Amino acid sequence: MKTIVFGATGGTGAAVIRLLRAEGDDVTAFVRNPARLTEQAGVALVTGDVMNPPDVAAAMPGHDRVVISLGNSQNPFALLLGAKRTTPRDVCETGTINIIAAMQAAGVRRVVCVTAFGIGATRTKSPLMFKIFYSLVLREHMADKERQEAALRASSLDWTLVQPVGLTDQPATGTYTASPTGALGKQTMGRADVARYILTALADPATIGQSIALSG
């Protein structure tokens, strides 16, 4: 199988690439800045901007599966204090719309997209502190993720939405809760375990058309 990862320089994207390579998959990393990619051995690099439709369209042909792990890597507190924005406000929504169009043009159907717990049906199930943090600090980012999910739901692709809780860099435990009903375990989860579930979902047709809440 040949998989292309968007958001490959982030912690979750890098963890996905590491596992895919360990399983012998052909992996393409779509990146704006190749120097930021930590997992490069055996990985095909495509340099481009997910906000630019021709870049995404050129990268898509020849792949079987897509992983979307887009996000805003800037410190949200710095942005609140007026820091210069380096990532577009709509990077998740518009980037995903461009990916959907490229997939449809290339005949690629399978996609797993990482959003966040607190989106969609899990919004009402978030702990109070999550709700406060989201509304005060991450409101803009969560709204972008909401629109990202809506774009995939409206598509004809074989999509799975993965909604993890707060992410950490702890080593993989292999123990986590993956719930299509939004059931919540612990309030944090390691990116390595999220990556493991993404690979599980990619290979499991039963997850197509589902939103899966992930927690430790």
C-alpha atoms as a PDB file:
ATOM      1  CA  MET A   1       0.000   0.000   0.000  1.00  0.00           C
ATOM      2  CA  LYS A   2       1.116   3.551  -0.695  1.00  0.00           C
ATOM      3  CA  THR A   3       0.064   6.208   1.796  1.00  0.00           C
ATOM      4  CA  ILE A   4       0.461   9.983   1.649  1.00  0.00           C
ATOM      5  CA  VAL A   5       0.526  11.929   4.916  1.00  0.00           C
ATOM      6  CA  PHE A   6      -0.502  15.592   5.105  1.00  0.00           C
ATOM      7  CA  GLY A   7       0.730  17.305   8.257  1.00  0.00           C
ATOM      8  CA  ALA A   8       3.790  15.068   8.279  1.00  0.00           C
ATOM      9  CA  THR A   9       5.991  17.454  10.268  1.00  0.00           C
ATOM     10  CA  GLY A  10       3.678  17.470  13.280  1.00  0.00           C
ATOM     11  CA  GLY A  11       4.024  15.049  16.153  1.00  0.00           C
ATOM     12  CA  THR A  12       1.126  12.812  15.145  1.00  0.00           C
ATOM     13  CA  GLY A  13       2.020  12.841  11.448  1.00  0.00           C
ATOM     14  CA  ALA A  14       5.612  11.883  12.222  1.00  0.00           C
ATOM     15  CA  ALA A  15       4.427   9.031  14.450  1.00  0.00           C
ATOM     16  CA  VAL A  16       2.173   7.748  11.651  1.00  0.00           C
ATOM     17  CA  ILE A  17       5.066   7.797   9.188  1.00  0.00           C
ATOM     18  CA  ARG A  18       7.272   5.909  11.641  1.00  0.00           C
ATOM     19  CA  LEU A  19       4.715   3.115  12.020  1.00  0.00           C
ATOM     20  CA  LEU A  20       3.935   2.904   8.311  1.00  0.00           C
ATOM     21  CA  ARG A  21       7.619   2.496   7.512  1.00  0.00           C
ATOM     22  CA  ALA A  22       7.963  -0.158  10.225  1.00  0.00           C
ATOM     23  CA  GLU A  23       5.165  -2.116   8.537  1.00  0.00           C
ATOM     24  CA  GLY A  24       6.830  -1.870   5.136  1.00  0.00           C
ATOM     25  CA  ASP A  25       4.432   0.596   3.536  1.00  0.00           C
ATOM     26  CA  ASP A  26       5.484   3.046   0.855  1.00  0.00           C
ATOM     27  CA  VAL A  27       5.074   6.472   2.448  1.00  0.00           C
ATOM     28  CA  THR A  28       4.944   9.966   1.006  1.00  0.00           C
ATOM     29  CA  ALA A  29       5.267  13.001   3.271  1.00  0.00           C
ATOM     30  CA  PHE A  30       3.681  16.186   1.945  1.00  0.00           C
ATOM     31  CA  VAL A  31       5.503  19.081   3.619  1.00  0.00           C
ATOM     32  CA  ARG A  32       6.075  22.806   3.270  1.00  0.00           C
ATOM     33  CA  ASN A  33       9.528  22.625   4.815  1.00  0.00           C
ATOM     34  CA  PRO A  34      11.416  19.321   4.375  1.00  0.00           C
ATOM     35  CA  ALA A  35      13.963  20.392   6.989  1.00  0.00           C
ATOM     36  CA  ARG A  36      11.282  20.027   9.668  1.00  0.00           C
ATOM     37  CA  LEU A  37      10.559  16.393   8.837  1.00  0.00           C
ATOM     38  CA  THR A  38      11.998  14.179  11.558  1.00  0.00           C
ATOM     39  CA  GLU A  39      11.156  10.867   9.867  1.00  0.00           C
ATOM     40  CA  GLN A  40      12.938  10.909   6.497  1.00  0.00           C
ATOM     41  CA  ALA A  41      14.544   7.484   6.060  1.00  0.00           C
ATOM     42  CA  GLY A  42      12.725   5.595   3.328  1.00  0.00           C
ATOM     43  CA  VAL A  43      10.132   8.350   2.937  1.00  0.00           C
ATOM     44  CA  ALA A  44       9.305  10.051  -0.367  1.00  0.00           C
ATOM     45  CA  LEU A  45       9.187  13.811   0.105  1.00  0.00           C
ATOM     46  CA  VAL A  46       6.823  16.126  -1.744  1.00  0.00           C
ATOM     47  CA  THR A  47       7.301  19.817  -1.041  1.00  0.00           C
ATOM     48  CA  GLY A  48       4.168  21.895  -1.390  1.00  0.00           C
ATOM     49  CA  ASP A  49       1.523  23.995   0.308  1.00  0.00           C
ATOM     50  CA  VAL A  50      -1.740  22.296   1.236  1.00  0.00           C
ATOM     51  CA  MET A  51      -3.458  25.653   0.674  1.00  0.00           C
ATOM     52  CA  ASN A  52      -2.418  25.557  -2.991  1.00  0.00           C
ATOM     53  CA  PRO A  53      -4.699  23.173  -4.956  1.00  0.00           C
ATOM     54  CA  PRO A  54      -2.198  22.454  -7.786  1.00  0.00           C
ATOM     55  CA  ASP A  55       0.437  21.329  -5.251  1.00  0.00           C
ATOM     56  CA  VAL A  56      -1.981  18.880  -3.659  1.00  0.00           C
ATOM     57  CA  ALA A  57      -3.331  17.645  -6.987  1.00  0.00           C
ATOM     58  CA  ALA A  58       0.169  16.942  -8.283  1.00  0.00           C
ATOM     59  CA  ALA A  59       1.071  14.897  -5.193  1.00  0.00           C
ATOM     60  CA  MET A  60      -1.986  12.634  -5.079  1.00  0.00           C
ATOM     61  CA  PRO A  61      -1.798  10.237  -8.093  1.00  0.00           C
ATOM     62  CA  GLY A  62      -0.411   6.780  -7.365  1.00  0.00           C
ATOM     63  CA  HIS A  63      -1.466   6.632  -3.723  1.00  0.00           C
ATOM     64  CA  ASP A  64      -3.926   4.203  -2.150  1.00  0.00           C
ATOM     65  CA  ARG A  65      -4.619   5.931   1.168  1.00  0.00           C
ATOM     66  CA  VAL A  66      -4.449   9.366   2.757  1.00  0.00           C
ATOM     67  CA  VAL A  67      -3.804  10.486   6.328  1.00  0.00           C
ATOM     68  CA  ILE A  68      -4.679  14.088   7.206  1.00  0.00           C
ATOM     69  CA  SER A  69      -3.070  15.470  10.352  1.00  0.00           C
ATOM     70  CA  LEU A  70      -3.253  19.188   9.687  1.00  0.00           C
ATOM     71  CA  GLY A  71      -3.200  21.783  12.425  1.00  0.00           C
ATOM     72  CA  ASN A  72      -1.914  25.104  13.640  1.00  0.00           C
ATOM     73  CA  SER A  73       1.507  24.615  15.199  1.00  0.00           C
ATOM     74  CA  GLN A  74       1.636  28.142  16.616  1.00  0.00           C
ATOM     75  CA  ASN A  75       1.301  28.729  20.347  1.00  0.00           C
ATOM     76  CA  PRO A  76      -2.364  29.665  20.883  1.00  0.00           C
ATOM     77  CA  PHE A  77      -1.505  31.928  23.810  1.00  0.00           C
ATOM     78  CA  ALA A  78       1.004  33.822  21.662  1.00  0.00           C
ATOM     79  CA  LEU A  79      -1.661  34.322  19.015  1.00  0.00           C
ATOM     80  CA  LEU A  80      -4.057  35.680  21.624  1.00  0.00           C
ATOM     81  CA  LEU A  81      -1.363  38.154  22.628  1.00  0.00           C
ATOM     82  CA  GLY A  82      -0.963  39.373  19.062  1.00  0.00           C
ATOM     83  CA  ALA A  83       1.859  37.235  17.663  1.00  0.00           C
ATOM     84  CA  LYS A  84       2.225  37.322  13.882  1.00  0.00           C
ATOM     85  CA  ARG A  85       0.214  34.542  12.285  1.00  0.00           C
ATOM     86  CA  THR A  86       2.218  32.115  10.130  1.00  0.00           C
ATOM     87  CA  THR A  87      -0.518  29.522   9.566  1.00  0.00           C
ATOM     88  CA  PRO A  88      -3.821  30.446   7.883  1.00  0.00           C
ATOM     89  CA  ARG A  89      -6.910  30.432  10.098  1.00  0.00           C
ATOM     90  CA  ASP A  90      -8.594  27.964   7.758  1.00  0.00           C
ATOM     91  CA  VAL A  91      -5.675  25.600   7.168  1.00  0.00           C
ATOM     92  CA  CYS A  92      -7.650  22.523   8.256  1.00  0.00           C
ATOM     93  CA  GLU A  93     -10.817  23.339   6.333  1.00  0.00           C
ATOM     94  CA  THR A  94      -9.279  24.643   3.112  1.00  0.00           C
ATOM     95  CA  GLY A  95      -6.397  22.183   3.134  1.00  0.00           C
ATOM     96  CA  THR A  96      -8.852  19.308   3.500  1.00  0.00           C
ATOM     97  CA  ILE A  97     -11.112  20.653   0.752  1.00  0.00           C
ATOM     98  CA  ASN A  98      -8.069  20.704  -1.538  1.00  0.00           C
ATOM     99  CA  ILE A  99      -7.158  17.146  -0.515  1.00  0.00           C
ATOM    100  CA  ILE A 100     -10.711  15.937  -1.165  1.00  0.00           C
ATOM    101  CA  ALA A 101     -10.668  17.446  -4.661  1.00  0.00           C
ATOM    102  CA  ALA A 102      -7.279  15.887  -5.406  1.00  0.00           C
ATOM    103  CA  MET A 103      -8.427  12.476  -4.157  1.00  0.00           C
ATOM    104  CA  GLN A 104     -11.551  12.584  -6.284  1.00  0.00           C
ATOM    105  CA  ALA A 105      -9.557  13.581  -9.366  1.00  0.00           C
ATOM    106  CA  ALA A 106      -7.001  10.810  -8.791  1.00  0.00           C
ATOM    107  CA  GLY A 107      -9.531   8.115  -7.876  1.00  0.00           C
ATOM    108  CA  VAL A 108      -8.221   7.734  -4.311  1.00  0.00           C
ATOM    109  CA  ARG A 109     -10.979   6.942  -1.801  1.00  0.00           C
ATOM    110  CA  ARG A 110      -9.612   5.992   1.641  1.00  0.00           C
ATOM    111  CA  VAL A 111      -8.790   8.760   4.106  1.00  0.00           C
ATOM    112  CA  VAL A 112      -8.344   8.984   7.859  1.00  0.00           C
ATOM    113  CA  CYS A 113      -8.407  12.506   9.283  1.00  0.00           C
ATOM    114  CA  VAL A 114      -7.299  13.587  12.761  1.00  0.00           C
ATOM    115  CA  THR A 115      -9.499  16.287  14.297  1.00  0.00           C
ATOM    116  CA  ALA A 116     -10.094  16.643  18.049  1.00  0.00           C
ATOM    117  CA  PHE A 117     -12.280  15.491  20.916  1.00  0.00           C
ATOM    118  CA  GLY A 118     -14.830  18.228  21.466  1.00  0.00           C
ATOM    119  CA  ILE A 119     -15.784  18.428  17.788  1.00  0.00           C
ATOM    120  CA  GLY A 120     -19.220  17.427  16.524  1.00  0.00           C
ATOM    121  CA  ALA A 121     -21.070  14.923  18.690  1.00  0.00           C
ATOM    122  CA  THR A 122     -18.302  14.901  21.322  1.00  0.00           C
ATOM    123  CA  ARG A 123     -18.739  18.620  22.010  1.00  0.00           C
ATOM    124  CA  THR A 124     -21.300  17.985  24.737  1.00  0.00           C
ATOM    125  CA  LYS A 125     -19.204  15.170  26.224  1.00  0.00           C
ATOM    126  CA  SER A 126     -16.087  17.232  26.838  1.00  0.00           C
ATOM    127  CA  PRO A 127     -15.087  17.784  30.476  1.00  0.00           C
ATOM    128  CA  LEU A 128     -15.803  21.287  31.784  1.00  0.00           C
ATOM    129  CA  MET A 129     -12.135  22.318  31.752  1.00  0.00           C
ATOM    130  CA  PHE A 130     -11.870  21.251  28.092  1.00  0.00           C
ATOM    131  CA  LYS A 131     -14.896  23.384  27.223  1.00  0.00           C
ATOM    132  CA  ILE A 132     -13.452  26.420  28.988  1.00  0.00           C
ATOM    133  CA  PHE A 133     -10.042  26.004  27.353  1.00  0.00           C
ATOM    134  CA  TYR A 134     -11.565  25.507  23.915  1.00  0.00           C
ATOM    135  CA  SER A 135     -13.835  28.541  24.211  1.00  0.00           C
ATOM    136  CA  LEU A 136     -11.172  30.875  25.593  1.00  0.00           C
ATOM    137  CA  VAL A 137      -8.008  29.727  23.835  1.00  0.00           C
ATOM    138  CA  LEU A 138      -8.759  27.343  20.958  1.00  0.00           C
ATOM    139  CA  ARG A 139     -12.080  28.700  19.696  1.00  0.00           C
ATOM    140  CA  GLU A 140     -10.725  29.614  16.265  1.00  0.00           C
ATOM    141  CA  HIS A 141      -8.837  26.342  15.840  1.00  0.00           C
ATOM    142  CA  MET A 142     -11.805  24.227  16.917  1.00  0.00           C
ATOM    143  CA  ALA A 143     -14.096  26.095  14.507  1.00  0.00           C
ATOM    144  CA  ASP A 144     -11.645  25.292  11.713  1.00  0.00           C
ATOM    145  CA  LYS A 145     -11.718  21.629  12.740  1.00  0.00           C
ATOM    146  CA  GLU A 146     -15.538  21.663  12.748  1.00  0.00           C
ATOM    147  CA  ARG A 147     -15.544  22.894   9.154  1.00  0.00           C
ATOM    148  CA  GLN A 148     -12.882  20.335   8.247  1.00  0.00           C
ATOM    149  CA  GLU A 149     -15.085  17.508   9.512  1.00  0.00           C
ATOM    150  CA  ALA A 150     -18.085  18.915   7.651  1.00  0.00           C
ATOM    151  CA  ALA A 151     -16.138  18.910   4.379  1.00  0.00           C
ATOM    152  CA  LEU A 152     -15.251  15.243   4.742  1.00  0.00           C
ATOM    153  CA  ARG A 153     -18.759  14.242   5.809  1.00  0.00           C
ATOM    154  CA  ALA A 154     -20.142  15.933   2.702  1.00  0.00           C
ATOM    155  CA  SER A 155     -17.717  14.105   0.413  1.00  0.00           C
ATOM    156  CA  SER A 156     -18.214  10.744  -1.272  1.00  0.00           C
ATOM    157  CA  LEU A 157     -14.891   9.443   0.061  1.00  0.00           C
ATOM    158  CA  ASP A 158     -14.348   6.501   2.420  1.00  0.00           C
ATOM    159  CA  TRP A 159     -13.533   8.676   5.401  1.00  0.00           C
ATOM    160  CA  THR A 160     -12.884   8.062   9.084  1.00  0.00           C
ATOM    161  CA  LEU A 161     -12.614  10.929  11.571  1.00  0.00           C
ATOM    162  CA  VAL A 162     -10.323  10.381  14.558  1.00  0.00           C
ATOM    163  CA  GLN A 163     -10.984  12.665  17.529  1.00  0.00           C
ATOM    164  CA  PRO A 164      -8.239  12.377  20.162  1.00  0.00           C
ATOM    165  CA  VAL A 165      -8.195  14.055  23.561  1.00  0.00           C
ATOM    166  CA  GLY A 166      -5.237  16.149  24.741  1.00  0.00           C
ATOM    167  CA  LEU A 167      -2.055  14.847  23.124  1.00  0.00           C
ATOM    168  CA  THR A 168       1.256  14.057  24.807  1.00  0.00           C
ATOM    169  CA  ASP A 169       4.600  12.669  23.685  1.00  0.00           C
ATOM    170  CA  GLN A 170       4.525   9.706  26.059  1.00  0.00           C
ATOM    171  CA  PRO A 171       5.619   6.322  24.645  1.00  0.00           C
ATOM    172  CA  ALA A 172       2.995   4.013  23.197  1.00  0.00           C
ATOM    173  CA  THR A 173       1.059   1.989  25.761  1.00  0.00           C
ATOM    174  CA  GLY A 174      -1.148   0.001  23.401  1.00  0.00           C
ATOM    175  CA  THR A 175      -4.022   0.670  25.783  1.00  0.00           C
ATOM    176  CA  TYR A 176      -6.637   3.245  24.827  1.00  0.00           C
ATOM    177  CA  THR A 177     -10.351   3.757  24.271  1.00  0.00           C
ATOM    178  CA  ALA A 178     -11.596   4.024  20.673  1.00  0.00           C
ATOM    179  CA  SER A 179     -15.296   4.853  20.787  1.00  0.00           C
ATOM    180  CA  PRO A 180     -17.749   5.591  17.950  1.00  0.00           C
ATOM    181  CA  THR A 181     -20.185   6.876  20.586  1.00  0.00           C
ATOM    182  CA  GLY A 182     -17.823   9.408  22.142  1.00  0.00           C
ATOM    183  CA  ALA A 183     -17.087   7.480  25.347  1.00  0.00           C
ATOM    184  CA  LEU A 184     -14.186   9.083  27.201  1.00  0.00           C
ATOM    185  CA  GLY A 185     -11.391   7.369  29.114  1.00  0.00           C
ATOM    186  CA  LYS A 186      -8.442   9.433  30.314  1.00  0.00           C
ATOM    187  CA  GLN A 187      -8.206  13.069  29.270  1.00  0.00           C
ATOM    188  CA  THR A 188      -4.790  12.700  27.619  1.00  0.00           C
ATOM    189  CA  MET A 189      -3.286  10.263  25.143  1.00  0.00           C
ATOM    190  CA  GLY A 190       0.123   9.763  23.561  1.00  0.00           C
ATOM    191  CA  ARG A 191       0.601  10.579  19.885  1.00  0.00           C
ATOM    192  CA  ALA A 192       2.205   7.166  19.401  1.00  0.00           C
ATOM    193  CA  ASP A 193      -1.043   5.452  20.417  1.00  0.00           C
ATOM    194  CA  VAL A 194      -3.055   7.796  18.187  1.00  0.00           C
ATOM    195  CA  ALA A 195      -0.799   6.823  15.283  1.00  0.00           C
ATOM    196  CA  ARG A 196      -1.308   3.139  16.025  1.00  0.00           C
ATOM    197  CA  TYR A 197      -5.069   3.581  15.939  1.00  0.00           C
ATOM    198  CA  ILE A 198      -4.865   5.501  12.653  1.00  0.00           C
ATOM    199  CA  LEU A 199      -3.157   2.501  11.052  1.00  0.00           C
ATOM    200  CA  THR A 200      -5.813   0.223  12.544  1.00  0.00           C
ATOM    201  CA  ALA A 201      -8.583   2.402  11.132  1.00  0.00           C
ATOM    202  CA  LEU A 202      -6.973   2.583   7.687  1.00  0.00           C
ATOM    203  CA  ALA A 203      -7.173  -1.195   7.448  1.00  0.00           C
ATOM    204  CA  ASP A 204     -10.649  -1.586   8.964  1.00  0.00           C
ATOM    205  CA  PRO A 205     -13.604  -0.977   6.603  1.00  0.00           C
ATOM    206  CA  ALA A 206     -15.935  -0.975   9.607  1.00  0.00           C
ATOM    207  CA  THR A 207     -14.636   2.485  10.558  1.00  0.00           C
ATOM    208  CA  ILE A 208     -15.620   4.060   7.235  1.00  0.00           C
ATOM    209  CA  GLY A 209     -18.138   6.844   7.769  1.00  0.00           C
ATOM    210  CA  GLN A 210     -17.504   6.920  11.525  1.00  0.00           C
ATOM    211  CA  SER A 211     -16.167   9.464  13.994  1.00  0.00           C
ATOM    212  CA  ILE A 212     -13.990   7.703  16.555  1.00  0.00           C
ATOM    213  CA  ALA A 213     -13.283   9.371  19.892  1.00  0.00           C
ATOM    214  CA  LEU A 214      -9.823   8.419  21.152  1.00  0.00           C
ATOM    215  CA  SER A 215      -8.681   8.647  24.755  1.00  0.00           C
ATOM    216  CA  GLY A 216      -6.080   7.059  26.968  1.00  0.00           C
END
